[in-house]
Amino acid sequence: MSVVIAGTGMHPWGKWGRPFAEYGVAAARAALRDAGLEWTDVQFAVGADTIRNGYPGFIAGATFAQALGWTGARIASCYAACASGAQALDIARTRILAGLCDVALVVGADSTPKGFFRPVGGDRPDDPDWLRFRLLGATNPAYFALYARRRMALYGDTSQDFAAVKVKNALAGSLNENARYRRTVTAEEVLASPMVADPLRLMDICATSDGGAAVVLVSEEYARRRGLSTAVRIAAVSTVTPTFPNTVLELPCFATDSTAAAPPPERAFRASIAHAAYEEAGLGPADLSFAEVYDLSTALELDWVEDIGLAPPGEAAKLLRAGDTALGGRVPVNPSGGLASFGEAIPAQAIAQVCELTRQLRGTAGTRQVVNARAGLAANQGLFGHGSAIIAIT
């Protein structure tokens, strides 16, 4: 049995200043319309939690179910930082595969404050991400800048390369009606924008945004029985965690009494996320028609291109310069426009990536369409060891 993506829906990204549930309900209704189903057809609903919007955000499944109208449907809520949407989708998919339901709705939405995301949840001395906030004062943009500096030092990437990522994604975003930023930019504009965390400038770093996304999943048998399209299916969902002793993302394994006897993991964390999805789907990087990756910064997109296997370490900028990852290129990356065009609405993000996979695989992405798209991968990673990779196929 396979799981079919029957419908997708989004609330446009922006800074609307309204309750997150409003965005989620709009996206859910759009996804149900797209699927040709009613809310009363949904047997299971999963909400990806937002931790910035009070108690309703912590119980997002119930919040959305109440807003749509109590029907007796079973619900769940989950939080996994930026991977929340992927875990929510995995819960729904698993329930369908177990034969416990035929129709599931997955919803994520966020209403975000202006500026940097603040750490929440109190002191977390066992969390390496909290430690970098507290001990190093390293906000996310500063963290991204360290990765960018590493690329420059190891591989010779330049600020011009990073700017080219923004130019590429802004062009794609200008063609996406749900994107927050729909203006093309030049490399000169990117390089002239204010410095935030050297070498990353304002236009190298994603914004924080309001937005919502939803998908309707159904069993293949149900889709055939109801005459729904079975064109797009989920081939894999990876939610892996890091492997000991390399438990801090991408940092080297320093020999200590506790780690000396442990062999190093075969792959770094981000690479292991994609590998697990490929293994489940029975596919490899060469099978991808396109990919959606988490471009929290322009430099980080280049890291992801390598992590998902589209290029060897240090080679992503070569693909970029050759136009291979642009619209019309050999394997477009972020044909939606990515976070560069949307900004980050945390619980909605992985679901929005699946919306893009679905549109591309259906052949309904308009001027952003990847020609003959057959398989797409969406990848991101949440703080404190949350993997997220989803492969959809047609």
Protein backbone atom coordinates (compact mmCIF):
# COMPACT_ATOMS: atom_id res chain seq x y z
CA MET A 1 0.00 0.00 0.00
CA SER A 2 1.25 3.49 -0.80
CA VAL A 3 0.24 6.92 0.44
CA VAL A 4 -1.04 9.45 -2.08
CA ILE A 5 -0.81 13.24 -1.79
CA ALA A 6 -4.39 14.06 -2.72
CA GLY A 7 -4.34 17.78 -2.04
CA THR A 8 -2.14 20.69 -1.03
CA GLY A 9 -2.90 24.19 0.14
CA MET A 10 -1.07 27.25 1.41
CA HIS A 11 -1.72 30.63 2.97
CA PRO A 12 0.68 33.13 1.37
CA TRP A 13 3.76 33.98 3.43
CA GLY A 14 4.19 37.53 4.76
CA LYS A 15 3.91 39.57 7.94
CA TRP A 16 0.16 39.66 8.30
CA GLY A 17 -0.05 39.99 12.08
CA ARG A 18 -3.01 37.65 12.46
CA PRO A 19 -3.47 34.48 14.61
CA PHE A 20 -1.58 31.46 13.31
CA ALA A 21 -4.75 29.33 13.29
CA GLU A 22 -6.23 31.61 10.63
CA TYR A 23 -3.37 30.78 8.27
CA GLY A 24 -3.61 27.06 9.03
CA VAL A 25 -7.34 26.89 8.48
CA ALA A 26 -7.03 28.74 5.16
CA ALA A 27 -4.32 26.30 4.04
CA ALA A 28 -6.35 23.28 5.23
CA ARG A 29 -9.45 24.38 3.36
CA ALA A 30 -7.40 24.98 0.22
CA ALA A 31 -5.86 21.50 0.50
CA LEU A 32 -9.28 19.90 0.94
CA ARG A 33 -10.62 21.77 -2.10
CA ASP A 34 -7.60 20.65 -4.08
CA ALA A 35 -8.27 17.04 -3.07
CA GLY A 36 -12.00 17.29 -3.81
CA LEU A 37 -12.81 16.26 -0.24
CA GLU A 38 -14.65 17.76 2.73
CA TRP A 39 -13.41 18.30 6.27
CA THR A 40 -15.94 15.67 7.33
CA ASP A 41 -14.08 13.12 5.20
CA VAL A 42 -10.92 13.54 7.32
CA GLN A 43 -10.42 10.74 9.83
CA PHE A 44 -7.11 11.92 11.32
CA ALA A 45 -5.60 15.40 11.61
CA VAL A 46 -2.09 16.30 12.70
CA GLY A 47 -0.99 19.78 13.66
CA ALA A 48 2.66 20.83 13.55
CA ASP A 49 3.12 22.90 16.70
CA THR A 50 4.20 26.51 16.98
CA ILE A 51 5.82 27.44 20.29
CA ARG A 52 5.51 31.21 19.84
CA ASN A 53 1.74 31.47 19.91
CA GLY A 54 0.67 30.45 23.39
CA TYR A 55 -1.15 27.32 24.46
CA PRO A 56 -3.12 26.93 21.19
CA GLY A 57 0.23 26.58 19.42
CA PHE A 58 1.28 23.70 21.70
CA ILE A 59 -1.91 21.78 20.84
CA ALA A 60 -2.05 22.69 17.16
CA GLY A 61 -3.93 19.54 16.13
CA ALA A 62 -6.81 20.37 18.46
CA THR A 63 -6.64 24.08 17.58
CA PHE A 64 -7.08 23.41 13.87
CA ALA A 65 -9.73 20.73 14.45
CA GLN A 66 -11.76 23.09 16.61
CA ALA A 67 -11.42 25.92 14.08
CA LEU A 68 -12.55 23.65 11.24
CA GLY A 69 -15.38 22.25 13.36
CA TRP A 70 -15.40 19.33 15.79
CA THR A 71 -16.25 16.15 13.88
CA GLY A 72 -14.92 13.43 16.16
CA ALA A 73 -11.80 12.98 14.01
CA ARG A 74 -8.72 11.69 15.79
CA ILE A 75 -5.92 14.21 16.20
CA ALA A 76 -2.26 14.55 17.10
CA SER A 77 0.13 17.45 17.65
CA CYS A 78 3.91 17.40 17.37
CA TYR A 79 6.92 19.67 17.64
CA ALA A 80 10.37 19.06 16.15
CA ALA A 81 11.63 22.60 15.50
CA CYS A 82 12.09 23.16 11.76
CA ALA A 83 11.32 19.48 11.11
CA SER A 84 7.88 19.71 12.76
CA GLY A 85 5.98 19.55 9.47
CA ALA A 86 7.89 16.47 8.33
CA GLN A 87 7.24 14.66 11.59
CA ALA A 88 3.56 15.61 11.44
CA LEU A 89 3.39 14.22 7.91
CA ASP A 90 5.22 11.06 9.01
CA ILE A 91 2.68 10.48 11.79
CA ALA A 92 -0.21 10.78 9.33
CA ARG A 93 1.49 8.62 6.71
CA THR A 94 2.26 5.92 9.27
CA ARG A 95 -1.34 5.79 10.43
CA ILE A 96 -2.52 5.29 6.84
CA LEU A 97 0.10 2.61 6.20
CA ALA A 98 -1.00 0.84 9.39
CA GLY A 99 -4.53 0.64 7.99
CA LEU A 100 -5.95 2.76 10.81
CA CYS A 101 -7.35 5.46 8.54
CA ASP A 102 -7.73 6.34 4.87
CA VAL A 103 -7.75 10.15 4.95
CA ALA A 104 -5.40 12.36 6.96
CA LEU A 105 -4.89 16.12 7.05
CA VAL A 106 -1.54 17.65 8.02
CA VAL A 107 -1.41 21.37 8.88
CA GLY A 108 1.32 23.75 10.01
CA ALA A 109 1.17 27.51 10.51
CA ASP A 110 3.08 30.22 12.34
CA SER A 111 2.73 33.86 13.29
CA THR A 112 6.18 35.20 14.06
CA PRO A 113 7.56 38.25 15.85
CA LYS A 114 9.83 40.74 14.18
CA GLY A 115 13.55 40.07 14.27
CA PHE A 116 15.57 37.04 15.36
CA PHE A 117 13.83 34.04 16.87
CA ARG A 118 14.47 34.03 20.62
CA PRO A 119 15.38 30.78 22.40
CA VAL A 120 12.42 29.43 24.35
CA GLY A 121 11.84 26.75 26.96
CA GLY A 122 14.12 27.94 29.75
CA ASP A 123 17.65 26.77 30.48
CA ARG A 124 18.68 23.69 28.47
CA PRO A 125 22.30 22.93 29.40
CA ASP A 126 22.13 19.56 27.63
CA ASP A 127 21.15 21.20 24.33
CA PRO A 128 24.13 22.24 22.16
CA ASP A 129 21.99 24.81 20.37
CA TRP A 130 21.01 26.49 23.65
CA LEU A 131 24.66 26.41 24.70
CA ARG A 132 25.74 28.33 21.62
CA PHE A 133 23.05 30.94 22.33
CA ARG A 134 24.03 31.26 25.99
CA LEU A 135 27.79 30.73 25.97
CA LEU A 136 28.75 32.10 22.57
CA GLY A 137 25.98 34.61 21.97
CA ALA A 138 25.70 33.00 18.56
CA THR A 139 22.30 33.79 17.08
CA ASN A 140 21.25 31.76 14.07
CA PRO A 141 22.66 34.31 11.58
CA ALA A 142 26.01 34.16 13.38
CA TYR A 143 25.86 30.36 13.24
CA PHE A 144 25.10 30.47 9.52
CA ALA A 145 28.03 32.84 9.05
CA LEU A 146 30.40 30.31 10.63
CA TYR A 147 29.27 27.76 8.04
CA ALA A 148 29.75 30.32 5.28
CA ARG A 149 33.27 31.10 6.48
CA ARG A 150 34.05 27.41 6.53
CA ARG A 151 33.00 27.07 2.88
CA MET A 152 35.19 30.00 1.96
CA ALA A 153 38.18 28.56 3.84
CA LEU A 154 37.81 24.95 2.69
CA TYR A 155 36.50 25.29 -0.85
CA GLY A 156 37.23 28.81 -2.01
CA ASP A 157 33.59 29.86 -2.26
CA THR A 158 33.07 33.60 -2.44
CA SER A 159 30.52 36.21 -1.44
CA GLN A 160 29.66 36.40 -5.13
CA ASP A 161 28.71 32.72 -5.05
CA PHE A 162 26.44 33.31 -2.07
CA ALA A 163 24.85 36.27 -3.83
CA ALA A 164 24.25 34.09 -6.90
CA VAL A 165 22.16 31.72 -4.75
CA LYS A 166 19.92 34.62 -3.72
CA VAL A 167 19.60 35.81 -7.33
CA LYS A 168 18.61 32.30 -8.44
CA ASN A 169 16.03 31.82 -5.70
CA ALA A 170 14.60 35.31 -6.02
CA LEU A 171 13.89 34.65 -9.69
CA ALA A 172 12.00 31.47 -8.81
CA GLY A 173 10.17 33.21 -5.97
CA SER A 174 9.07 36.02 -8.28
CA LEU A 175 7.05 33.36 -10.12
CA ASN A 176 5.41 31.91 -6.98
CA GLU A 177 2.14 33.46 -5.87
CA ASN A 178 2.60 32.27 -2.27
CA ALA A 179 6.07 33.78 -1.78
CA ARG A 180 6.55 36.78 0.48
CA TYR A 181 9.28 38.37 -1.65
CA ARG A 182 8.35 38.41 -5.32
CA ARG A 183 11.00 40.71 -6.74
CA THR A 184 14.04 39.65 -8.72
CA VAL A 185 17.36 40.95 -7.44
CA THR A 186 20.84 41.42 -8.81
CA ALA A 187 24.09 40.22 -7.31
CA GLU A 188 25.08 43.84 -6.87
CA GLU A 189 22.00 44.48 -4.72
CA VAL A 190 22.78 41.47 -2.55
CA LEU A 191 26.40 42.51 -2.08
CA ALA A 192 25.34 46.06 -1.22
CA SER A 193 22.83 45.01 1.45
CA PRO A 194 23.82 45.59 5.12
CA MET A 195 26.25 43.18 6.74
CA VAL A 196 24.58 41.06 9.44
CA ALA A 197 27.18 38.42 10.33
CA ASP A 198 30.29 38.52 8.19
CA PRO A 199 30.32 37.32 5.42
CA LEU A 200 26.51 37.13 5.29
CA ARG A 201 24.54 40.22 4.38
CA LEU A 202 20.88 40.95 4.97
CA MET A 203 19.83 39.49 1.63
CA ASP A 204 21.84 36.32 2.30
CA ILE A 205 19.72 35.42 5.34
CA CYS A 206 16.09 34.32 5.41
CA ALA A 207 13.45 36.42 7.15
CA THR A 208 10.97 35.29 9.80
CA SER A 209 7.47 35.09 8.32
CA ASP A 210 3.83 34.29 8.92
CA GLY A 211 2.38 31.52 6.78
CA GLY A 212 0.53 28.24 6.62
CA ALA A 213 0.61 25.02 4.62
CA ALA A 214 -1.42 21.81 4.54
CA VAL A 215 -1.53 18.48 2.73
CA VAL A 216 -4.22 15.84 2.46
CA LEU A 217 -2.90 12.27 2.43
CA VAL A 218 -5.01 9.26 1.45
CA SER A 219 -4.45 5.57 0.94
CA GLU A 220 -4.09 4.49 -2.67
CA GLU A 221 -7.11 2.20 -2.33
CA TYR A 222 -9.25 5.10 -1.05
CA ALA A 223 -8.07 7.35 -3.87
CA ARG A 224 -9.08 4.79 -6.47
CA ARG A 225 -12.41 4.17 -4.78
CA ARG A 226 -13.23 7.89 -4.72
CA GLY A 227 -11.82 8.58 -8.19
CA LEU A 228 -9.03 10.80 -6.85
CA SER A 229 -5.72 11.26 -8.62
CA THR A 230 -2.96 8.88 -7.56
CA ALA A 231 -0.30 10.71 -9.57
CA VAL A 232 1.89 11.84 -6.65
CA ARG A 233 2.95 9.46 -3.90
CA ILE A 234 5.23 9.65 -0.90
CA ALA A 235 8.16 7.32 -1.43
CA ALA A 236 10.04 8.02 1.80
CA VAL A 237 10.12 10.09 4.97
CA SER A 238 13.35 10.34 6.97
CA THR A 239 13.35 11.72 10.51
CA VAL A 240 16.73 10.37 11.64
CA THR A 241 18.82 11.71 14.52
CA PRO A 242 22.61 12.17 14.75
CA THR A 243 24.88 9.19 15.35
CA PHE A 244 27.14 9.01 18.41
CA PRO A 245 29.82 10.26 18.93
CA ASN A 246 29.30 12.96 16.31
CA THR A 247 26.25 14.34 18.10
CA VAL A 248 26.92 18.03 17.51
CA LEU A 249 26.09 18.94 13.96
CA GLU A 250 29.11 18.85 11.67
CA LEU A 251 31.67 19.42 14.42
CA PRO A 252 34.66 17.03 14.51
CA CYS A 253 34.70 14.09 16.90
CA PHE A 254 37.23 15.04 19.57
CA ALA A 255 38.79 12.03 21.31
CA THR A 256 37.70 11.81 24.94
CA ASP A 257 37.35 8.94 27.36
CA SER A 258 33.71 8.53 26.33
CA THR A 259 34.25 8.72 22.57
CA ALA A 260 37.64 7.11 21.99
CA ALA A 261 36.21 3.61 21.72
CA ALA A 262 33.37 4.63 19.37
CA PRO A 263 33.99 4.56 15.62
CA PRO A 264 33.09 7.73 13.72
CA PRO A 265 29.71 7.67 11.95
CA GLU A 266 29.69 6.84 8.28
CA ARG A 267 28.05 10.15 7.39
CA ALA A 268 27.60 13.59 8.87
CA PHE A 269 24.14 14.30 10.21
CA ARG A 270 22.64 16.23 7.31
CA ALA A 271 23.97 13.73 4.79
CA SER A 272 22.50 10.89 6.84
CA ILE A 273 19.05 12.50 6.67
CA ALA A 274 18.98 12.33 2.88
CA HIS A 275 20.65 8.92 2.74
CA ALA A 276 17.95 7.35 4.91
CA ALA A 277 15.28 8.74 2.58
CA TYR A 278 17.08 7.45 -0.52
CA GLU A 279 17.43 4.02 1.08
CA GLU A 280 13.74 3.81 1.91
CA ALA A 281 12.66 5.02 -1.53
CA GLY A 282 15.11 2.82 -3.41
CA LEU A 283 16.42 5.90 -5.21
CA GLY A 284 19.59 7.94 -5.30
CA PRO A 285 20.62 11.53 -5.99
CA ALA A 286 20.87 10.81 -9.73
CA ASP A 287 17.16 9.96 -9.77
CA LEU A 288 16.06 13.40 -8.56
CA SER A 289 14.43 15.82 -10.97
CA PHE A 290 14.68 18.69 -8.46
CA ALA A 291 15.07 19.38 -4.75
CA GLU A 292 13.76 21.73 -2.08
CA VAL A 293 16.38 22.41 0.61
CA TYR A 294 16.49 24.61 3.68
CA ASP A 295 18.31 27.75 2.57
CA LEU A 296 18.35 29.50 5.94
CA SER A 297 21.28 31.31 4.38
CA THR A 298 22.58 31.40 0.84
CA ALA A 299 25.75 29.57 1.87
CA LEU A 300 23.77 26.88 3.65
CA GLU A 301 21.99 26.00 0.40
CA LEU A 302 25.38 25.06 -1.04
CA ASP A 303 26.03 22.81 1.96
CA TRP A 304 22.67 21.11 1.45
CA VAL A 305 23.34 20.53 -2.26
CA GLU A 306 26.33 18.47 -1.20
CA ASP A 307 24.60 16.84 1.77
CA ILE A 308 21.83 15.43 -0.43
CA GLY A 309 24.40 14.09 -2.88
CA LEU A 310 23.93 16.36 -5.86
CA ALA A 311 27.62 17.28 -5.72
CA PRO A 312 30.72 16.05 -3.87
CA PRO A 313 31.93 18.16 -0.91
CA GLY A 314 33.15 21.51 -2.16
CA GLU A 315 31.57 21.18 -5.62
CA ALA A 316 28.16 22.83 -5.10
CA ALA A 317 29.31 26.25 -6.25
CA LYS A 318 30.43 24.72 -9.55
CA LEU A 319 26.88 23.46 -10.17
CA LEU A 320 25.55 26.89 -9.28
CA ARG A 321 27.93 28.69 -11.62
CA ALA A 322 27.06 26.29 -14.45
CA GLY A 323 23.34 26.99 -13.98
CA ASP A 324 22.62 23.35 -13.11
CA THR A 325 20.61 24.24 -9.98
CA ALA A 326 18.63 27.07 -11.57
CA LEU A 327 15.20 26.84 -13.17
CA GLY A 328 15.78 25.13 -16.49
CA GLY A 329 19.00 23.57 -15.20
CA ARG A 330 19.90 19.91 -14.87
CA VAL A 331 18.53 19.58 -11.31
CA PRO A 332 16.84 22.75 -10.05
CA VAL A 333 17.22 23.46 -6.35
CA ASN A 334 14.48 25.45 -4.59
CA PRO A 335 12.25 26.01 -7.63
CA SER A 336 9.69 27.38 -5.14
CA GLY A 337 12.04 30.26 -4.35
CA GLY A 338 13.08 28.72 -1.05
CA LEU A 339 13.37 30.55 2.25
CA ALA A 340 15.07 33.34 0.34
CA SER A 341 11.65 34.17 -1.11
CA PHE A 342 9.38 32.94 1.69
CA GLY A 343 11.11 33.53 4.99
CA GLU A 344 10.68 31.01 7.79
CA ALA A 345 7.33 30.00 9.31
CA ILE A 346 8.74 27.06 11.26
CA PRO A 347 5.92 24.46 11.57
CA ALA A 348 4.70 25.15 8.05
CA GLN A 349 8.02 24.97 6.26
CA ALA A 350 8.47 21.24 5.60
CA ILE A 351 4.80 21.01 4.60
CA ALA A 352 5.25 23.90 2.18
CA GLN A 353 8.17 22.02 0.65
CA VAL A 354 5.84 19.06 0.04
CA CYS A 355 3.34 21.41 -1.58
CA GLU A 356 6.07 22.37 -4.04
CA LEU A 357 7.04 18.74 -4.66
CA THR A 358 3.41 18.00 -5.46
CA ARG A 359 2.92 20.90 -7.85
CA GLN A 360 6.10 20.09 -9.72
CA LEU A 361 5.28 16.38 -9.99
CA ARG A 362 1.74 17.14 -11.14
CA GLY A 363 3.13 19.48 -13.79
CA THR A 364 1.11 22.44 -12.45
CA ALA A 365 3.92 24.77 -11.35
CA GLY A 366 3.43 27.13 -14.28
CA THR A 367 6.45 29.17 -15.29
CA ARG A 368 8.46 27.48 -12.51
CA GLN A 369 7.78 24.02 -13.89
CA VAL A 370 10.63 21.53 -13.93
CA VAL A 371 10.36 19.68 -17.23
CA ASN A 372 9.48 15.97 -16.94
CA ALA A 373 9.65 15.99 -13.15
CA ARG A 374 9.48 12.44 -11.79
CA ALA A 375 11.04 12.55 -8.32
CA GLY A 376 11.68 15.35 -5.86
CA LEU A 377 13.30 15.56 -2.44
CA ALA A 378 12.55 18.07 0.31
CA ALA A 379 15.12 18.35 3.10
CA ASN A 380 15.58 20.37 6.24
CA GLN A 381 16.79 19.87 9.77
CA GLY A 382 15.43 20.99 13.13
CA LEU A 383 17.42 22.11 16.15
CA PHE A 384 18.62 19.49 18.60
CA GLY A 385 18.86 16.57 16.18
CA HIS A 386 15.65 16.52 14.16
CA GLY A 387 16.13 15.18 10.65
CA SER A 388 13.67 15.85 7.85
CA ALA A 389 13.72 14.53 4.31
CA ILE A 390 10.73 13.60 2.18
CA ILE A 391 10.81 12.04 -1.29
CA ALA A 392 7.77 12.22 -3.52
CA ILE A 393 7.45 10.48 -6.86
CA THR A 394 5.06 10.18 -9.73
